[in-house]
Amino acid sequence: MTAADGPGSPGLTLAEELLLLAMDPARGRPLNNPKYLRYGLAGAALADLEAAGRIAVERGDRVSVANPLPMNDPVLDGALAALPDPGKSRRANVKAQRWVRTAARPVHELCLRRLVERGAIRREPRRALGLFPYDRYPAGEVDLTNPARARFRSAVDAGLPGHRERVLAAFASATDLDSKLLPGGAFRAQRREHKRLVKQMWTAHAAYHAVQLDKSSASNAGGST
């Protein structure tokens, strides 16, 4: 059983489930920083590919394709195709942190498209100031968000007994989503434990590193003004 077929998740990839956890059903926008979320989605796709035996990690942070056969899943096959093909490229691997940054937007778009197809969200074209186009993604006719959040909260209350739930918690922590899903002092101990999970999972740590790099760049830019 791959991570995409975990118990209680209706055929969702980890990236899709993370996106459901992050999206505000009414506003159609992420609860956390959109860029941070995208890094998490890319990292979550790597976690699913690793669980399915499609990729391998070397020296702690270099990703290579171990099995190029498609998985018949648009999100995971798109992520797999974005990795260096060992048969066609002289570069047989890529740093996980670098790939997470470059693949973040395409993986995000694949997840959005898939959840629209599932009926879990709907695409609403908008224009900022009447000029600049953007999309919102409020809840669709098929409610997958509330069940995903219920599964996550139940798993947290139970101490994250399953691997899939630990991976989701790690990505929520890495992308600053945990403070939105588990707010306040009542969940301080759980959030602290989830931060430890980030260090134990190279896929989540790659997303965390991308987030921290953005924060550092923003801080340096602010200090130079």
N, C-alpha and C. Protein backbone atom coordinates (compact mmCIF):
# COMPACT_ATOMS: atom_id res chain seq x y z
N MET A 1 0.85 -1.20 0.00
CA MET A 1 0.00 0.00 0.00
C MET A 1 0.88 1.24 0.00
N THR A 2 0.72 2.13 -0.96
CA THR A 2 1.49 3.35 -1.03
C THR A 2 0.88 4.41 -0.13
N ALA A 3 1.63 5.49 0.06
CA ALA A 3 1.12 6.58 0.90
C ALA A 3 -0.13 7.18 0.31
N ALA A 4 -0.27 7.11 -1.02
CA ALA A 4 -1.45 7.69 -1.65
C ALA A 4 -2.71 6.87 -1.39
N ASP A 5 -2.55 5.65 -0.88
CA ASP A 5 -3.70 4.79 -0.59
C ASP A 5 -3.84 4.51 0.90
N GLY A 6 -3.40 5.45 1.70
CA GLY A 6 -3.42 5.24 3.13
C GLY A 6 -4.82 5.09 3.68
N PRO A 7 -4.96 4.53 4.87
CA PRO A 7 -6.27 4.30 5.46
C PRO A 7 -7.01 5.61 5.71
N GLY A 8 -8.27 5.64 5.34
CA GLY A 8 -9.09 6.81 5.60
C GLY A 8 -8.98 7.89 4.56
N SER A 9 -8.02 7.80 3.65
CA SER A 9 -7.86 8.82 2.62
C SER A 9 -8.38 8.27 1.30
N PRO A 10 -9.38 8.88 0.70
CA PRO A 10 -10.03 8.33 -0.50
C PRO A 10 -9.16 8.47 -1.74
N GLY A 11 -8.06 7.72 -1.79
CA GLY A 11 -7.18 7.76 -2.94
C GLY A 11 -6.41 9.05 -3.10
N LEU A 12 -6.31 9.84 -2.05
CA LEU A 12 -5.61 11.12 -2.12
C LEU A 12 -4.11 10.91 -2.00
N THR A 13 -3.35 11.66 -2.77
CA THR A 13 -1.92 11.72 -2.53
C THR A 13 -1.68 12.55 -1.27
N LEU A 14 -0.49 12.43 -0.73
CA LEU A 14 -0.14 13.26 0.44
C LEU A 14 -0.24 14.74 0.10
N ALA A 15 0.20 15.11 -1.11
CA ALA A 15 0.15 16.51 -1.51
C ALA A 15 -1.29 17.02 -1.58
N GLU A 16 -2.19 16.21 -2.14
CA GLU A 16 -3.60 16.62 -2.20
C GLU A 16 -4.19 16.78 -0.80
N GLU A 17 -3.87 15.85 0.08
CA GLU A 17 -4.43 15.94 1.43
C GLU A 17 -3.86 17.14 2.18
N LEU A 18 -2.57 17.41 1.98
CA LEU A 18 -1.98 18.60 2.60
C LEU A 18 -2.66 19.86 2.08
N LEU A 19 -2.95 19.90 0.79
CA LEU A 19 -3.62 21.07 0.22
C LEU A 19 -5.03 21.22 0.80
N LEU A 20 -5.74 20.12 0.98
CA LEU A 20 -7.07 20.19 1.59
C LEU A 20 -6.99 20.72 3.02
N LEU A 21 -5.99 20.29 3.77
CA LEU A 21 -5.82 20.78 5.13
C LEU A 21 -5.56 22.28 5.15
N ALA A 22 -4.88 22.76 4.12
CA ALA A 22 -4.44 24.16 4.13
C ALA A 22 -5.48 25.13 3.61
N MET A 23 -6.40 24.67 2.76
CA MET A 23 -7.30 25.61 2.09
C MET A 23 -8.47 26.03 2.98
N ASP A 24 -8.75 27.32 2.99
CA ASP A 24 -9.94 27.85 3.66
C ASP A 24 -11.12 27.61 2.72
N PRO A 25 -12.09 26.77 3.11
CA PRO A 25 -13.18 26.41 2.19
C PRO A 25 -14.02 27.61 1.74
N ALA A 26 -14.15 28.62 2.60
CA ALA A 26 -14.98 29.78 2.26
C ALA A 26 -14.21 30.79 1.40
N ARG A 27 -12.99 31.11 1.81
CA ARG A 27 -12.22 32.13 1.11
C ARG A 27 -11.51 31.60 -0.13
N GLY A 28 -11.31 30.28 -0.17
CA GLY A 28 -10.63 29.71 -1.33
C GLY A 28 -9.17 30.06 -1.40
N ARG A 29 -8.56 30.32 -0.24
CA ARG A 29 -7.14 30.68 -0.16
C ARG A 29 -6.48 29.85 0.95
N PRO A 30 -5.17 29.67 0.89
CA PRO A 30 -4.49 28.90 1.94
C PRO A 30 -4.51 29.62 3.28
N LEU A 31 -4.53 28.84 4.34
CA LEU A 31 -4.44 29.41 5.69
C LEU A 31 -3.03 29.91 5.98
N ASN A 32 -2.05 29.29 5.35
CA ASN A 32 -0.66 29.69 5.57
C ASN A 32 -0.13 30.42 4.34
N ASN A 33 1.13 30.79 4.36
CA ASN A 33 1.76 31.48 3.25
C ASN A 33 1.68 30.60 1.99
N PRO A 34 1.14 31.10 0.88
CA PRO A 34 0.99 30.26 -0.32
C PRO A 34 2.30 29.67 -0.83
N LYS A 35 3.39 30.45 -0.77
CA LYS A 35 4.67 29.92 -1.24
C LYS A 35 5.15 28.78 -0.35
N TYR A 36 4.98 28.95 0.95
CA TYR A 36 5.39 27.89 1.88
C TYR A 36 4.59 26.61 1.60
N LEU A 37 3.29 26.79 1.36
CA LEU A 37 2.44 25.64 1.08
C LEU A 37 2.92 24.91 -0.17
N ARG A 38 3.27 25.66 -1.20
CA ARG A 38 3.72 25.02 -2.44
C ARG A 38 4.99 24.20 -2.22
N TYR A 39 5.89 24.70 -1.40
CA TYR A 39 7.09 23.91 -1.08
C TYR A 39 6.69 22.60 -0.40
N GLY A 40 5.71 22.70 0.49
CA GLY A 40 5.25 21.49 1.18
C GLY A 40 4.62 20.49 0.23
N LEU A 41 3.87 20.98 -0.75
CA LEU A 41 3.23 20.08 -1.71
C LEU A 41 4.28 19.33 -2.54
N ALA A 42 5.32 20.05 -2.97
CA ALA A 42 6.39 19.40 -3.73
C ALA A 42 7.09 18.35 -2.88
N GLY A 43 7.37 18.69 -1.62
CA GLY A 43 8.01 17.73 -0.74
C GLY A 43 7.13 16.52 -0.47
N ALA A 44 5.82 16.76 -0.32
CA ALA A 44 4.89 15.66 -0.09
C ALA A 44 4.84 14.72 -1.28
N ALA A 45 4.94 15.27 -2.49
CA ALA A 45 4.99 14.41 -3.68
C ALA A 45 6.22 13.52 -3.66
N LEU A 46 7.35 14.07 -3.22
CA LEU A 46 8.56 13.26 -3.08
C LEU A 46 8.35 12.14 -2.06
N ALA A 47 7.65 12.44 -0.97
CA ALA A 47 7.41 11.42 0.06
C ALA A 47 6.59 10.27 -0.51
N ASP A 48 5.58 10.58 -1.33
CA ASP A 48 4.78 9.53 -1.95
C ASP A 48 5.61 8.72 -2.95
N LEU A 49 6.43 9.40 -3.72
CA LEU A 49 7.27 8.70 -4.70
C LEU A 49 8.27 7.79 -4.00
N GLU A 50 8.81 8.24 -2.88
CA GLU A 50 9.74 7.39 -2.13
C GLU A 50 9.01 6.16 -1.60
N ALA A 51 7.81 6.35 -1.06
CA ALA A 51 7.05 5.23 -0.50
C ALA A 51 6.71 4.20 -1.58
N ALA A 52 6.55 4.67 -2.82
CA ALA A 52 6.21 3.78 -3.93
C ALA A 52 7.45 3.18 -4.58
N GLY A 53 8.64 3.50 -4.08
CA GLY A 53 9.86 2.95 -4.64
C GLY A 53 10.28 3.57 -5.95
N ARG A 54 9.74 4.76 -6.28
CA ARG A 54 10.07 5.39 -7.55
C ARG A 54 11.34 6.24 -7.47
N ILE A 55 11.72 6.69 -6.28
CA ILE A 55 12.91 7.51 -6.14
C ILE A 55 13.77 6.99 -5.00
N ALA A 56 15.03 7.40 -5.01
CA ALA A 56 15.96 7.08 -3.93
C ALA A 56 16.67 8.36 -3.53
N VAL A 57 17.13 8.42 -2.28
CA VAL A 57 17.87 9.58 -1.81
C VAL A 57 19.28 9.14 -1.45
N GLU A 58 20.26 9.91 -1.89
CA GLU A 58 21.66 9.62 -1.64
C GLU A 58 22.29 10.78 -0.89
N ARG A 59 23.24 10.46 -0.04
CA ARG A 59 23.97 11.47 0.73
C ARG A 59 23.02 12.40 1.49
N GLY A 60 21.85 11.89 1.82
CA GLY A 60 20.93 12.64 2.67
C GLY A 60 20.03 13.62 1.97
N ASP A 61 20.42 14.12 0.78
CA ASP A 61 19.59 15.16 0.16
C ASP A 61 19.62 15.17 -1.36
N ARG A 62 20.18 14.13 -1.98
CA ARG A 62 20.22 14.10 -3.44
C ARG A 62 19.25 13.03 -3.94
N VAL A 63 18.31 13.45 -4.77
CA VAL A 63 17.22 12.58 -5.22
C VAL A 63 17.52 12.06 -6.62
N SER A 64 17.31 10.78 -6.81
CA SER A 64 17.45 10.18 -8.13
C SER A 64 16.24 9.28 -8.39
N VAL A 65 15.95 9.06 -9.66
CA VAL A 65 14.84 8.20 -10.05
C VAL A 65 15.31 6.75 -10.00
N ALA A 66 14.63 5.94 -9.20
CA ALA A 66 14.97 4.52 -9.08
C ALA A 66 14.13 3.66 -10.00
N ASN A 67 12.91 4.11 -10.28
CA ASN A 67 11.99 3.36 -11.14
C ASN A 67 11.13 4.39 -11.88
N PRO A 68 11.34 4.57 -13.20
CA PRO A 68 10.63 5.60 -13.94
C PRO A 68 9.22 5.22 -14.37
N LEU A 69 8.76 4.01 -14.04
CA LEU A 69 7.43 3.59 -14.47
C LEU A 69 6.36 4.50 -13.85
N PRO A 70 5.40 4.97 -14.65
CA PRO A 70 4.35 5.85 -14.12
C PRO A 70 3.46 5.12 -13.12
N MET A 71 2.78 5.89 -12.28
CA MET A 71 1.92 5.35 -11.24
C MET A 71 0.43 5.54 -11.56
N ASN A 72 0.15 6.07 -12.74
CA ASN A 72 -1.24 6.32 -13.15
C ASN A 72 -1.94 7.29 -12.20
N ASP A 73 -1.17 8.23 -11.70
CA ASP A 73 -1.71 9.31 -10.88
C ASP A 73 -1.15 10.61 -11.44
N PRO A 74 -2.00 11.56 -11.81
CA PRO A 74 -1.50 12.77 -12.47
C PRO A 74 -0.55 13.60 -11.62
N VAL A 75 -0.77 13.65 -10.32
CA VAL A 75 0.11 14.43 -9.45
C VAL A 75 1.48 13.78 -9.33
N LEU A 76 1.48 12.50 -9.02
CA LEU A 76 2.75 11.81 -8.81
C LEU A 76 3.51 11.59 -10.11
N ASP A 77 2.80 11.30 -11.19
CA ASP A 77 3.47 11.12 -12.48
C ASP A 77 4.07 12.45 -12.96
N GLY A 78 3.37 13.55 -12.69
CA GLY A 78 3.91 14.86 -13.04
C GLY A 78 5.17 15.17 -12.26
N ALA A 79 5.15 14.85 -10.96
CA ALA A 79 6.33 15.08 -10.12
C ALA A 79 7.49 14.19 -10.56
N LEU A 80 7.19 12.94 -10.87
CA LEU A 80 8.24 12.00 -11.30
C LEU A 80 8.87 12.47 -12.60
N ALA A 81 8.06 12.96 -13.53
CA ALA A 81 8.57 13.43 -14.82
C ALA A 81 9.44 14.67 -14.67
N ALA A 82 9.25 15.43 -13.58
CA ALA A 82 10.03 16.64 -13.35
C ALA A 82 11.41 16.37 -12.77
N LEU A 83 11.66 15.12 -12.37
CA LEU A 83 12.97 14.74 -11.84
C LEU A 83 13.88 14.32 -12.98
N PRO A 84 15.21 14.43 -12.81
CA PRO A 84 16.13 14.05 -13.88
C PRO A 84 15.96 12.59 -14.28
N ASP A 85 15.80 12.35 -15.58
CA ASP A 85 15.68 11.00 -16.11
C ASP A 85 17.07 10.41 -16.27
N PRO A 86 17.40 9.37 -15.52
CA PRO A 86 18.76 8.83 -15.57
C PRO A 86 19.15 8.31 -16.95
N GLY A 87 18.16 8.00 -17.78
CA GLY A 87 18.48 7.50 -19.12
C GLY A 87 18.66 8.59 -20.16
N LYS A 88 18.25 9.83 -19.81
CA LYS A 88 18.29 10.90 -20.79
C LYS A 88 19.12 12.10 -20.34
N SER A 89 19.54 12.11 -19.10
CA SER A 89 20.26 13.27 -18.58
C SER A 89 21.60 12.86 -17.99
N ARG A 90 22.60 13.69 -18.22
CA ARG A 90 23.91 13.42 -17.61
C ARG A 90 23.86 13.66 -16.11
N ARG A 91 22.91 14.47 -15.69
CA ARG A 91 22.75 14.74 -14.26
C ARG A 91 21.77 13.72 -13.70
N ALA A 92 22.29 12.74 -12.97
CA ALA A 92 21.46 11.62 -12.53
C ALA A 92 20.67 11.94 -11.26
N ASN A 93 21.01 13.01 -10.56
CA ASN A 93 20.26 13.33 -9.35
C ASN A 93 20.18 14.85 -9.18
N VAL A 94 19.39 15.26 -8.21
CA VAL A 94 19.21 16.68 -7.94
C VAL A 94 19.06 16.88 -6.45
N LYS A 95 19.51 17.99 -5.94
CA LYS A 95 19.34 18.27 -4.51
C LYS A 95 17.86 18.44 -4.20
N ALA A 96 17.41 17.79 -3.15
CA ALA A 96 15.99 17.83 -2.80
C ALA A 96 15.51 19.26 -2.56
N GLN A 97 16.31 20.05 -1.87
CA GLN A 97 15.90 21.41 -1.56
C GLN A 97 15.73 22.24 -2.83
N ARG A 98 16.62 22.03 -3.79
CA ARG A 98 16.53 22.78 -5.05
C ARG A 98 15.30 22.33 -5.83
N TRP A 99 15.06 21.02 -5.87
CA TRP A 99 13.91 20.51 -6.63
C TRP A 99 12.60 21.00 -6.03
N VAL A 100 12.51 21.02 -4.73
CA VAL A 100 11.29 21.48 -4.06
C VAL A 100 10.96 22.91 -4.47
N ARG A 101 11.97 23.73 -4.61
CA ARG A 101 11.73 25.13 -4.99
C ARG A 101 11.30 25.24 -6.45
N THR A 102 11.94 24.49 -7.34
CA THR A 102 11.63 24.62 -8.76
C THR A 102 10.32 23.91 -9.13
N ALA A 103 10.00 22.83 -8.43
CA ALA A 103 8.79 22.06 -8.75
C ALA A 103 7.57 22.52 -7.97
N ALA A 104 7.73 23.46 -7.06
CA ALA A 104 6.63 23.85 -6.18
C ALA A 104 5.40 24.31 -6.95
N ARG A 105 5.57 25.21 -7.88
CA ARG A 105 4.41 25.75 -8.60
C ARG A 105 3.75 24.69 -9.50
N PRO A 106 4.52 23.93 -10.30
CA PRO A 106 3.86 22.90 -11.12
C PRO A 106 3.12 21.84 -10.31
N VAL A 107 3.71 21.40 -9.20
CA VAL A 107 3.03 20.40 -8.36
C VAL A 107 1.76 21.00 -7.76
N HIS A 108 1.84 22.25 -7.34
CA HIS A 108 0.66 22.94 -6.80
C HIS A 108 -0.47 22.96 -7.83
N GLU A 109 -0.13 23.30 -9.07
CA GLU A 109 -1.14 23.37 -10.13
C GLU A 109 -1.73 21.99 -10.39
N LEU A 110 -0.90 20.95 -10.37
CA LEU A 110 -1.41 19.59 -10.57
C LEU A 110 -2.39 19.20 -9.46
N CYS A 111 -2.06 19.56 -8.22
CA CYS A 111 -2.95 19.24 -7.09
C CYS A 111 -4.27 19.99 -7.21
N LEU A 112 -4.21 21.27 -7.55
CA LEU A 112 -5.43 22.05 -7.72
C LEU A 112 -6.31 21.44 -8.81
N ARG A 113 -5.69 21.10 -9.94
CA ARG A 113 -6.44 20.54 -11.05
C ARG A 113 -7.11 19.22 -10.65
N ARG A 114 -6.37 18.40 -9.91
CA ARG A 114 -6.91 17.11 -9.50
C ARG A 114 -8.07 17.27 -8.52
N LEU A 115 -7.94 18.20 -7.58
CA LEU A 115 -9.02 18.40 -6.61
C LEU A 115 -10.24 19.05 -7.25
N VAL A 116 -10.04 19.86 -8.28
CA VAL A 116 -11.17 20.38 -9.05
C VAL A 116 -11.88 19.24 -9.75
N GLU A 117 -11.11 18.32 -10.34
CA GLU A 117 -11.70 17.16 -11.01
C GLU A 117 -12.48 16.29 -10.03
N ARG A 118 -11.99 16.19 -8.81
CA ARG A 118 -12.68 15.39 -7.79
C ARG A 118 -13.94 16.08 -7.27
N GLY A 119 -14.10 17.37 -7.55
CA GLY A 119 -15.23 18.12 -7.05
C GLY A 119 -15.03 18.65 -5.64
N ALA A 120 -13.78 18.54 -5.11
CA ALA A 120 -13.52 18.99 -3.74
C ALA A 120 -13.37 20.50 -3.66
N ILE A 121 -12.90 21.12 -4.73
CA ILE A 121 -12.79 22.58 -4.81
C ILE A 121 -13.27 23.00 -6.19
N ARG A 122 -13.52 24.29 -6.34
CA ARG A 122 -13.90 24.81 -7.66
C ARG A 122 -13.05 26.05 -7.96
N ARG A 123 -12.72 26.21 -9.22
CA ARG A 123 -11.90 27.35 -9.62
C ARG A 123 -12.79 28.56 -9.90
N GLU A 124 -12.50 29.68 -9.24
CA GLU A 124 -13.25 30.91 -9.45
C GLU A 124 -12.30 32.00 -9.95
N PRO A 125 -12.32 32.34 -11.23
CA PRO A 125 -11.47 33.42 -11.73
C PRO A 125 -11.89 34.76 -11.14
N ARG A 126 -10.90 35.54 -10.70
CA ARG A 126 -11.15 36.87 -10.14
C ARG A 126 -10.17 37.86 -10.77
N ARG A 127 -10.38 39.15 -10.50
CA ARG A 127 -9.45 40.19 -10.93
C ARG A 127 -9.20 41.15 -9.77
N ALA A 128 -7.94 41.31 -9.43
CA ALA A 128 -7.57 42.27 -8.39
C ALA A 128 -7.58 43.68 -8.99
N LEU A 129 -8.25 44.59 -8.30
CA LEU A 129 -8.38 45.97 -8.77
C LEU A 129 -9.01 46.04 -10.16
N GLY A 130 -9.73 44.99 -10.51
CA GLY A 130 -10.37 44.95 -11.82
C GLY A 130 -9.42 44.72 -12.98
N LEU A 131 -8.13 44.47 -12.68
CA LEU A 131 -7.13 44.36 -13.74
C LEU A 131 -6.37 43.04 -13.73
N PHE A 132 -5.90 42.62 -12.56
CA PHE A 132 -4.95 41.52 -12.48
C PHE A 132 -5.68 40.21 -12.18
N PRO A 133 -5.61 39.25 -13.11
CA PRO A 133 -6.36 38.00 -12.91
C PRO A 133 -5.72 37.09 -11.87
N TYR A 134 -6.55 36.44 -11.10
CA TYR A 134 -6.11 35.42 -10.16
C TYR A 134 -7.28 34.47 -9.92
N ASP A 135 -7.00 33.35 -9.31
CA ASP A 135 -8.04 32.35 -9.06
C ASP A 135 -8.22 32.12 -7.56
N ARG A 136 -9.45 31.89 -7.17
CA ARG A 136 -9.76 31.40 -5.83
C ARG A 136 -10.27 29.98 -5.95
N TYR A 137 -10.14 29.22 -4.85
CA TYR A 137 -10.54 27.81 -4.88
C TYR A 137 -11.38 27.47 -3.65
N PRO A 138 -12.61 27.96 -3.60
CA PRO A 138 -13.49 27.59 -2.47
C PRO A 138 -13.93 26.13 -2.58
N ALA A 139 -14.59 25.66 -1.53
CA ALA A 139 -15.03 24.27 -1.48
C ALA A 139 -16.00 23.95 -2.60
N GLY A 140 -15.89 22.72 -3.12
CA GLY A 140 -16.78 22.26 -4.16
C GLY A 140 -17.92 21.44 -3.60
N GLU A 141 -18.57 20.67 -4.47
CA GLU A 141 -19.74 19.90 -4.06
C GLU A 141 -19.38 18.68 -3.23
N VAL A 142 -18.17 18.14 -3.40
CA VAL A 142 -17.75 16.94 -2.67
C VAL A 142 -16.88 17.38 -1.49
N ASP A 143 -17.35 17.17 -0.30
CA ASP A 143 -16.62 17.63 0.89
C ASP A 143 -15.50 16.64 1.24
N LEU A 144 -14.29 16.99 0.85
CA LEU A 144 -13.13 16.22 1.26
C LEU A 144 -12.31 16.95 2.33
N THR A 145 -12.57 18.25 2.50
CA THR A 145 -11.80 19.05 3.45
C THR A 145 -12.11 18.69 4.89
N ASN A 146 -13.39 18.68 5.25
CA ASN A 146 -13.74 18.39 6.64
C ASN A 146 -13.32 16.98 7.06
N PRO A 147 -13.52 15.95 6.22
CA PRO A 147 -13.01 14.63 6.59
C PRO A 147 -11.49 14.60 6.75
N ALA A 148 -10.77 15.32 5.89
CA ALA A 148 -9.31 15.36 6.00
C ALA A 148 -8.88 15.99 7.32
N ARG A 149 -9.54 17.08 7.69
CA ARG A 149 -9.19 17.76 8.94
C ARG A 149 -9.60 16.92 10.14
N ALA A 150 -10.72 16.22 10.03
CA ALA A 150 -11.14 15.35 11.13
C ALA A 150 -10.15 14.20 11.32
N ARG A 151 -9.67 13.63 10.21
CA ARG A 151 -8.67 12.56 10.30
C ARG A 151 -7.39 13.08 10.94
N PHE A 152 -6.99 14.27 10.52
CA PHE A 152 -5.74 14.84 11.05
C PHE A 152 -5.86 15.12 12.54
N ARG A 153 -6.96 15.75 12.96
CA ARG A 153 -7.13 16.08 14.38
C ARG A 153 -7.22 14.81 15.22
N SER A 154 -7.94 13.80 14.72
CA SER A 154 -8.03 12.54 15.46
C SER A 154 -6.66 11.89 15.60
N ALA A 155 -5.87 11.95 14.54
CA ALA A 155 -4.53 11.37 14.59
C ALA A 155 -3.65 12.12 15.58
N VAL A 156 -3.76 13.44 15.60
CA VAL A 156 -2.98 14.24 16.56
C VAL A 156 -3.39 13.89 17.99
N ASP A 157 -4.70 13.79 18.22
CA ASP A 157 -5.19 13.45 19.56
C ASP A 157 -4.72 12.07 20.00
N ALA A 158 -4.52 11.17 19.01
CA ALA A 158 -4.08 9.81 19.31
C ALA A 158 -2.56 9.68 19.34
N GLY A 159 -1.85 10.80 19.14
CA GLY A 159 -0.40 10.74 19.16
C GLY A 159 0.24 10.33 17.86
N LEU A 160 -0.47 10.55 16.74
CA LEU A 160 0.02 10.23 15.40
C LEU A 160 0.49 8.78 15.30
N PRO A 161 -0.43 7.83 15.41
CA PRO A 161 -0.03 6.42 15.39
C PRO A 161 0.39 5.90 14.02
N GLY A 162 -0.06 6.56 12.94
CA GLY A 162 0.25 6.07 11.59
C GLY A 162 1.33 6.88 10.91
N HIS A 163 2.05 6.23 10.00
CA HIS A 163 3.14 6.91 9.28
C HIS A 163 2.62 8.06 8.44
N ARG A 164 1.51 7.86 7.73
CA ARG A 164 0.97 8.92 6.88
C ARG A 164 0.65 10.17 7.69
N GLU A 165 0.05 9.98 8.85
CA GLU A 165 -0.30 11.12 9.70
C GLU A 165 0.95 11.84 10.20
N ARG A 166 2.01 11.08 10.50
CA ARG A 166 3.26 11.71 10.93
C ARG A 166 3.87 12.54 9.81
N VAL A 167 3.78 12.02 8.59
CA VAL A 167 4.31 12.77 7.45
C VAL A 167 3.52 14.06 7.24
N LEU A 168 2.20 13.99 7.29
CA LEU A 168 1.38 15.19 7.14
C LEU A 168 1.68 16.21 8.24
N ALA A 169 1.85 15.73 9.46
CA ALA A 169 2.16 16.64 10.57
C ALA A 169 3.51 17.31 10.35
N ALA A 170 4.47 16.57 9.82
CA ALA A 170 5.79 17.13 9.56
C ALA A 170 5.70 18.24 8.52
N PHE A 171 4.93 18.01 7.45
CA PHE A 171 4.80 19.04 6.43
C PHE A 171 3.99 20.23 6.91
N ALA A 172 2.99 20.00 7.75
CA ALA A 172 2.25 21.12 8.33
C ALA A 172 3.18 21.99 9.17
N SER A 173 4.08 21.36 9.90
CA SER A 173 5.04 22.10 10.71
C SER A 173 6.05 22.83 9.83
N ALA A 174 6.56 22.15 8.81
CA ALA A 174 7.59 22.72 7.94
C ALA A 174 7.10 23.97 7.21
N THR A 175 5.79 24.03 6.94
CA THR A 175 5.23 25.13 6.14
C THR A 175 4.45 26.15 6.97
N ASP A 176 4.58 26.09 8.28
CA ASP A 176 3.88 27.01 9.19
C ASP A 176 2.37 26.86 9.15
N LEU A 177 1.90 25.70 8.73
CA LEU A 177 0.47 25.43 8.73
C LEU A 177 0.00 24.92 10.08
N ASP A 178 0.90 24.35 10.86
CA ASP A 178 0.51 23.74 12.14
C ASP A 178 -0.11 24.74 13.09
N SER A 179 0.37 25.98 13.08
CA SER A 179 -0.17 26.98 14.00
C SER A 179 -1.61 27.37 13.63
N LYS A 180 -2.00 27.12 12.38
CA LYS A 180 -3.38 27.38 11.95
C LYS A 180 -4.29 26.20 12.26
N LEU A 181 -3.77 24.99 12.07
CA LEU A 181 -4.57 23.79 12.32
C LEU A 181 -4.63 23.44 13.80
N LEU A 182 -3.56 23.76 14.52
CA LEU A 182 -3.45 23.43 15.95
C LEU A 182 -3.05 24.69 16.71
N PRO A 183 -3.96 25.65 16.84
CA PRO A 183 -3.59 26.94 17.42
C PRO A 183 -3.57 26.94 18.95
N GLY A 184 -2.86 27.91 19.49
CA GLY A 184 -2.92 28.16 20.92
C GLY A 184 -2.04 27.28 21.78
N GLY A 185 -2.06 27.58 23.06
CA GLY A 185 -1.22 26.87 24.01
C GLY A 185 -1.60 25.42 24.22
N ALA A 186 -2.86 25.07 23.95
CA ALA A 186 -3.30 23.69 24.19
C ALA A 186 -2.56 22.69 23.31
N PHE A 187 -2.05 23.15 22.18
CA PHE A 187 -1.36 22.25 21.25
C PHE A 187 0.14 22.52 21.17
N ARG A 188 0.66 23.27 22.14
CA ARG A 188 2.08 23.63 22.07
C ARG A 188 2.98 22.39 22.07
N ALA A 189 2.67 21.42 22.90
CA ALA A 189 3.51 20.21 22.98
C ALA A 189 3.46 19.44 21.66
N GLN A 190 2.29 19.35 21.04
CA GLN A 190 2.18 18.64 19.77
C GLN A 190 2.95 19.36 18.67
N ARG A 191 2.86 20.69 18.63
CA ARG A 191 3.60 21.43 17.60
C ARG A 191 5.10 21.25 17.78
N ARG A 192 5.54 21.19 19.04
CA ARG A 192 6.96 20.97 19.31
C ARG A 192 7.39 19.59 18.81
N GLU A 193 6.56 18.58 19.02
CA GLU A 193 6.88 17.24 18.56
C GLU A 193 6.88 17.17 17.03
N HIS A 194 5.99 17.90 16.40
CA HIS A 194 5.94 17.89 14.93
C HIS A 194 7.18 18.54 14.33
N LYS A 195 7.74 19.52 15.03
CA LYS A 195 9.00 20.11 14.56
C LYS A 195 10.13 19.08 14.59
N ARG A 196 10.10 18.21 15.56
CA ARG A 196 11.11 17.15 15.62
C ARG A 196 10.94 16.18 14.45
N LEU A 197 9.71 15.95 14.05
CA LEU A 197 9.47 15.06 12.91
C LEU A 197 10.08 15.63 11.63
N VAL A 198 10.05 16.94 11.49
CA VAL A 198 10.62 17.58 10.30
C VAL A 198 12.08 17.19 10.14
N LYS A 199 12.82 17.17 11.24
CA LYS A 199 14.24 16.84 11.19
C LYS A 199 14.48 15.38 10.84
N GLN A 200 13.49 14.53 11.10
CA GLN A 200 13.66 13.10 10.85
C GLN A 200 13.31 12.69 9.43
N MET A 201 12.60 13.53 8.69
CA MET A 201 12.13 13.18 7.35
C MET A 201 12.77 14.10 6.33
N TRP A 202 13.60 13.55 5.46
CA TRP A 202 14.33 14.40 4.51
C TRP A 202 13.41 15.16 3.57
N THR A 203 12.25 14.58 3.23
CA THR A 203 11.33 15.27 2.34
C THR A 203 10.74 16.52 3.01
N ALA A 204 10.33 16.38 4.27
CA ALA A 204 9.80 17.53 5.00
C ALA A 204 10.89 18.55 5.28
N HIS A 205 12.11 18.06 5.54
CA HIS A 205 13.21 18.99 5.82
C HIS A 205 13.57 19.80 4.58
N ALA A 206 13.41 19.20 3.39
CA ALA A 206 13.67 19.94 2.16
C ALA A 206 12.69 21.11 2.03
N ALA A 207 11.41 20.86 2.34
CA ALA A 207 10.41 21.93 2.30
C ALA A 207 10.71 22.98 3.37
N TYR A 208 11.08 22.52 4.55
CA TYR A 208 11.42 23.43 5.65
C TYR A 208 12.59 24.33 5.25
N HIS A 209 13.59 23.75 4.61
CA HIS A 209 14.76 24.53 4.20
C HIS A 209 14.35 25.62 3.21
N ALA A 210 13.45 25.28 2.27
CA ALA A 210 12.98 26.26 1.30
C ALA A 210 12.24 27.40 1.98
N VAL A 211 11.42 27.06 2.96
CA VAL A 211 10.69 28.08 3.72
C VAL A 211 11.65 28.99 4.46
N GLN A 212 12.63 28.41 5.13
CA GLN A 212 13.57 29.20 5.90
C GLN A 212 14.41 30.10 5.00
N LEU A 213 14.73 29.62 3.80
CA LEU A 213 15.48 30.44 2.85
C LEU A 213 14.67 31.67 2.45
N ASP A 214 13.38 31.48 2.22
CA ASP A 214 12.51 32.62 1.90
C ASP A 214 12.45 33.60 3.07
N LYS A 215 12.32 33.08 4.27
CA LYS A 215 12.26 33.95 5.44
C LYS A 215 13.55 34.75 5.61
N SER A 216 14.68 34.07 5.39
CA SER A 216 15.97 34.74 5.51
C SER A 216 16.12 35.82 4.45
N SER A 217 15.69 35.54 3.22
CA SER A 217 15.79 36.52 2.14
C SER A 217 14.91 37.73 2.45
N ALA A 218 13.71 37.48 2.97
CA ALA A 218 12.80 38.58 3.30
C ALA A 218 13.37 39.43 4.43
N SER A 219 13.99 38.76 5.41
CA SER A 219 14.57 39.47 6.54
C SER A 219 15.74 40.33 6.08
N ASN A 220 16.57 39.79 5.20
CA ASN A 220 17.72 40.56 4.70
C ASN A 220 17.27 41.74 3.86
N ALA A 221 16.22 41.52 3.07
CA ALA A 221 15.71 42.61 2.25
C ALA A 221 15.13 43.72 3.10
N GLY A 222 14.44 43.32 4.18
CA GLY A 222 13.88 44.32 5.08
C GLY A 222 14.95 45.10 5.82
N GLY A 223 16.05 44.41 6.17
CA GLY A 223 17.12 45.07 6.89
C GLY A 223 17.93 46.01 6.05
N SER A 224 17.87 45.85 4.71
CA SER A 224 18.68 46.69 3.83
C SER A 224 17.96 47.93 3.38
N THR A 225 16.65 48.03 3.74
CA THR A 225 15.90 49.22 3.31
C THR A 225 16.10 50.35 4.28
